[in-house]
Amino acid sequence: MVEKDLKDLQENLVPADVLLQAKVLLLQQIPLSESSVSAIAGGFLARTNNDLPLDEPTQAANRYAAMTAQQVRAAFAKWIRPGDLVQITEGANPK
């Protein structure tokens, strides 16, 4: 099921409502990721260690908001290899 869905995203444009929902979820995570002094400090340290700008979350938010369905399809086509994914299950066998 997942492989088929990923191949679909490589070949077709994501519907506008699904793209909007994904953008909203990504944008909501940004303030939550910096919801404590410890998280803010950790974020600054991580960005410094990775040579990223300190306002990288703001820059990411701008990129997310501007992303198009064509860009999503191109990214899936370039970076995602559905045939190489594996599923790891702990517990009962999935049906």
C-alpha atoms as a PDB file:
ATOM      1  CA  MET A   1       0.000   0.000   0.000  1.00  0.00           C
ATOM      2  CA  VAL A   2       2.705   2.508   0.954  1.00  0.00           C
ATOM      3  CA  GLU A   3       4.788   1.751  -2.141  1.00  0.00           C
ATOM      4  CA  LYS A   4       1.778   2.391  -4.390  1.00  0.00           C
ATOM      5  CA  ASP A   5       1.004   5.682  -2.608  1.00  0.00           C
ATOM      6  CA  LEU A   6       4.602   6.866  -2.914  1.00  0.00           C
ATOM      7  CA  LYS A   7       4.733   5.999  -6.612  1.00  0.00           C
ATOM      8  CA  ASP A   8       1.494   7.950  -7.047  1.00  0.00           C
ATOM      9  CA  LEU A   9       3.153  11.000  -5.457  1.00  0.00           C
ATOM     10  CA  GLN A  10       6.058  10.626  -7.890  1.00  0.00           C
ATOM     11  CA  GLU A  11       3.775  10.609 -10.912  1.00  0.00           C
ATOM     12  CA  ASN A  12       0.808  12.823  -9.995  1.00  0.00           C
ATOM     13  CA  LEU A  13       0.260  16.181  -8.384  1.00  0.00           C
ATOM     14  CA  VAL A  14      -0.785  16.068  -4.761  1.00  0.00           C
ATOM     15  CA  PRO A  15      -4.345  17.405  -4.409  1.00  0.00           C
ATOM     16  CA  ALA A  16      -4.579  21.025  -3.233  1.00  0.00           C
ATOM     17  CA  ASP A  17      -6.401  20.120   0.001  1.00  0.00           C
ATOM     18  CA  VAL A  18      -3.781  17.508   0.917  1.00  0.00           C
ATOM     19  CA  LEU A  19      -0.942  19.947   0.176  1.00  0.00           C
ATOM     20  CA  LEU A  20      -2.594  22.597   2.342  1.00  0.00           C
ATOM     21  CA  GLN A  21      -3.052  20.113   5.200  1.00  0.00           C
ATOM     22  CA  ALA A  22       0.623  19.071   4.980  1.00  0.00           C
ATOM     23  CA  LYS A  23       1.730  22.714   5.012  1.00  0.00           C
ATOM     24  CA  VAL A  24      -0.420  23.453   8.054  1.00  0.00           C
ATOM     25  CA  LEU A  25       1.002  20.464   9.937  1.00  0.00           C
ATOM     26  CA  LEU A  26       4.583  21.474   9.124  1.00  0.00           C
ATOM     27  CA  LEU A  27       3.993  25.101  10.057  1.00  0.00           C
ATOM     28  CA  GLN A  28       2.337  24.121  13.362  1.00  0.00           C
ATOM     29  CA  GLN A  29       5.389  22.078  14.349  1.00  0.00           C
ATOM     30  CA  ILE A  30       7.726  25.074  14.213  1.00  0.00           C
ATOM     31  CA  PRO A  31       6.481  26.958  17.296  1.00  0.00           C
ATOM     32  CA  LEU A  32       5.963  23.668  19.144  1.00  0.00           C
ATOM     33  CA  SER A  33       9.607  22.727  18.526  1.00  0.00           C
ATOM     34  CA  GLU A  34      10.652  25.875  20.398  1.00  0.00           C
ATOM     35  CA  SER A  35       8.125  25.799  23.205  1.00  0.00           C
ATOM     36  CA  SER A  36      10.623  25.805  26.073  1.00  0.00           C
ATOM     37  CA  VAL A  37      13.863  27.551  26.921  1.00  0.00           C
ATOM     38  CA  SER A  38      15.672  24.218  26.689  1.00  0.00           C
ATOM     39  CA  ALA A  39      14.216  23.531  23.231  1.00  0.00           C
ATOM     40  CA  ILE A  40      15.159  27.015  22.020  1.00  0.00           C
ATOM     41  CA  ALA A  41      18.717  26.613  23.303  1.00  0.00           C
ATOM     42  CA  GLY A  42      18.977  23.142  21.783  1.00  0.00           C
ATOM     43  CA  GLY A  43      17.722  24.466  18.470  1.00  0.00           C
ATOM     44  CA  PHE A  44      20.288  27.266  18.442  1.00  0.00           C
ATOM     45  CA  LEU A  45      23.077  24.811  19.278  1.00  0.00           C
ATOM     46  CA  ALA A  46      21.968  22.339  16.614  1.00  0.00           C
ATOM     47  CA  ARG A  47      21.753  25.053  13.958  1.00  0.00           C
ATOM     48  CA  THR A  48      25.173  26.404  14.948  1.00  0.00           C
ATOM     49  CA  ASN A  49      26.727  22.928  14.853  1.00  0.00           C
ATOM     50  CA  ASN A  50      25.206  22.289  11.422  1.00  0.00           C
ATOM     51  CA  ASP A  51      26.230  25.683   9.992  1.00  0.00           C
ATOM     52  CA  LEU A  52      22.604  26.714   9.524  1.00  0.00           C
ATOM     53  CA  PRO A  53      21.281  30.244   9.969  1.00  0.00           C
ATOM     54  CA  LEU A  54      19.843  30.896  13.420  1.00  0.00           C
ATOM     55  CA  ASP A  55      16.494  31.842  11.857  1.00  0.00           C
ATOM     56  CA  GLU A  56      16.328  28.564   9.910  1.00  0.00           C
ATOM     57  CA  PRO A  57      12.844  27.698  11.283  1.00  0.00           C
ATOM     58  CA  THR A  58      11.507  30.977   9.870  1.00  0.00           C
ATOM     59  CA  GLN A  59      13.206  30.332   6.546  1.00  0.00           C
ATOM     60  CA  ALA A  60      11.773  26.792   6.525  1.00  0.00           C
ATOM     61  CA  ALA A  61       8.279  28.166   7.212  1.00  0.00           C
ATOM     62  CA  ASN A  62       8.592  30.469   4.209  1.00  0.00           C
ATOM     63  CA  ARG A  63       9.713  27.553   2.016  1.00  0.00           C
ATOM     64  CA  TYR A  64       6.853  25.358   3.232  1.00  0.00           C
ATOM     65  CA  ALA A  65       4.265  28.062   2.593  1.00  0.00           C
ATOM     66  CA  ALA A  66       5.567  28.686  -0.932  1.00  0.00           C
ATOM     67  CA  MET A  67       5.863  25.009  -1.944  1.00  0.00           C
ATOM     68  CA  THR A  68       3.828  23.908  -4.941  1.00  0.00           C
ATOM     69  CA  ALA A  69       2.356  20.545  -5.881  1.00  0.00           C
ATOM     70  CA  GLN A  70       4.826  20.403  -8.781  1.00  0.00           C
ATOM     71  CA  GLN A  71       7.749  20.813  -6.375  1.00  0.00           C
ATOM     72  CA  VAL A  72       6.406  18.030  -4.140  1.00  0.00           C
ATOM     73  CA  ARG A  73       6.098  15.686  -7.118  1.00  0.00           C
ATOM     74  CA  ALA A  74       9.617  16.562  -8.300  1.00  0.00           C
ATOM     75  CA  ALA A  75      11.067  15.964  -4.816  1.00  0.00           C
ATOM     76  CA  PHE A  76       9.350  12.578  -4.516  1.00  0.00           C
ATOM     77  CA  ALA A  77      10.539  11.609  -7.988  1.00  0.00           C
ATOM     78  CA  LYS A  78      14.124  12.606  -7.189  1.00  0.00           C
ATOM     79  CA  TRP A  79      14.582  11.464  -3.588  1.00  0.00           C
ATOM     80  CA  ILE A  80      12.098   8.707  -2.707  1.00  0.00           C
ATOM     81  CA  ARG A  81      12.721   5.098  -3.819  1.00  0.00           C
ATOM     82  CA  PRO A  82       9.552   3.189  -2.884  1.00  0.00           C
ATOM     83  CA  GLY A  83      11.017  -0.198  -3.855  1.00  0.00           C
ATOM     84  CA  ASP A  84      13.851   0.236  -1.347  1.00  0.00           C
ATOM     85  CA  LEU A  85      11.674   0.915   1.695  1.00  0.00           C
ATOM     86  CA  VAL A  86      11.211  -1.709   4.375  1.00  0.00           C
ATOM     87  CA  GLN A  87       8.576  -2.212   7.041  1.00  0.00           C
ATOM     88  CA  ILE A  88       9.588  -3.137  10.559  1.00  0.00           C
ATOM     89  CA  THR A  89       6.858  -4.494  12.803  1.00  0.00           C
ATOM     90  CA  GLU A  90       7.064  -5.197  16.495  1.00  0.00           C
ATOM     91  CA  GLY A  91       4.388  -7.429  17.866  1.00  0.00           C
ATOM     92  CA  ALA A  92       1.678  -9.203  15.891  1.00  0.00           C
ATOM     93  CA  ASN A  93       2.048  -9.682  12.143  1.00  0.00           C
ATOM     94  CA  PRO A  94       0.278  -6.851  10.235  1.00  0.00           C
ATOM     95  CA  LYS A  95      -2.584  -7.849   7.974  1.00  0.00           C
END
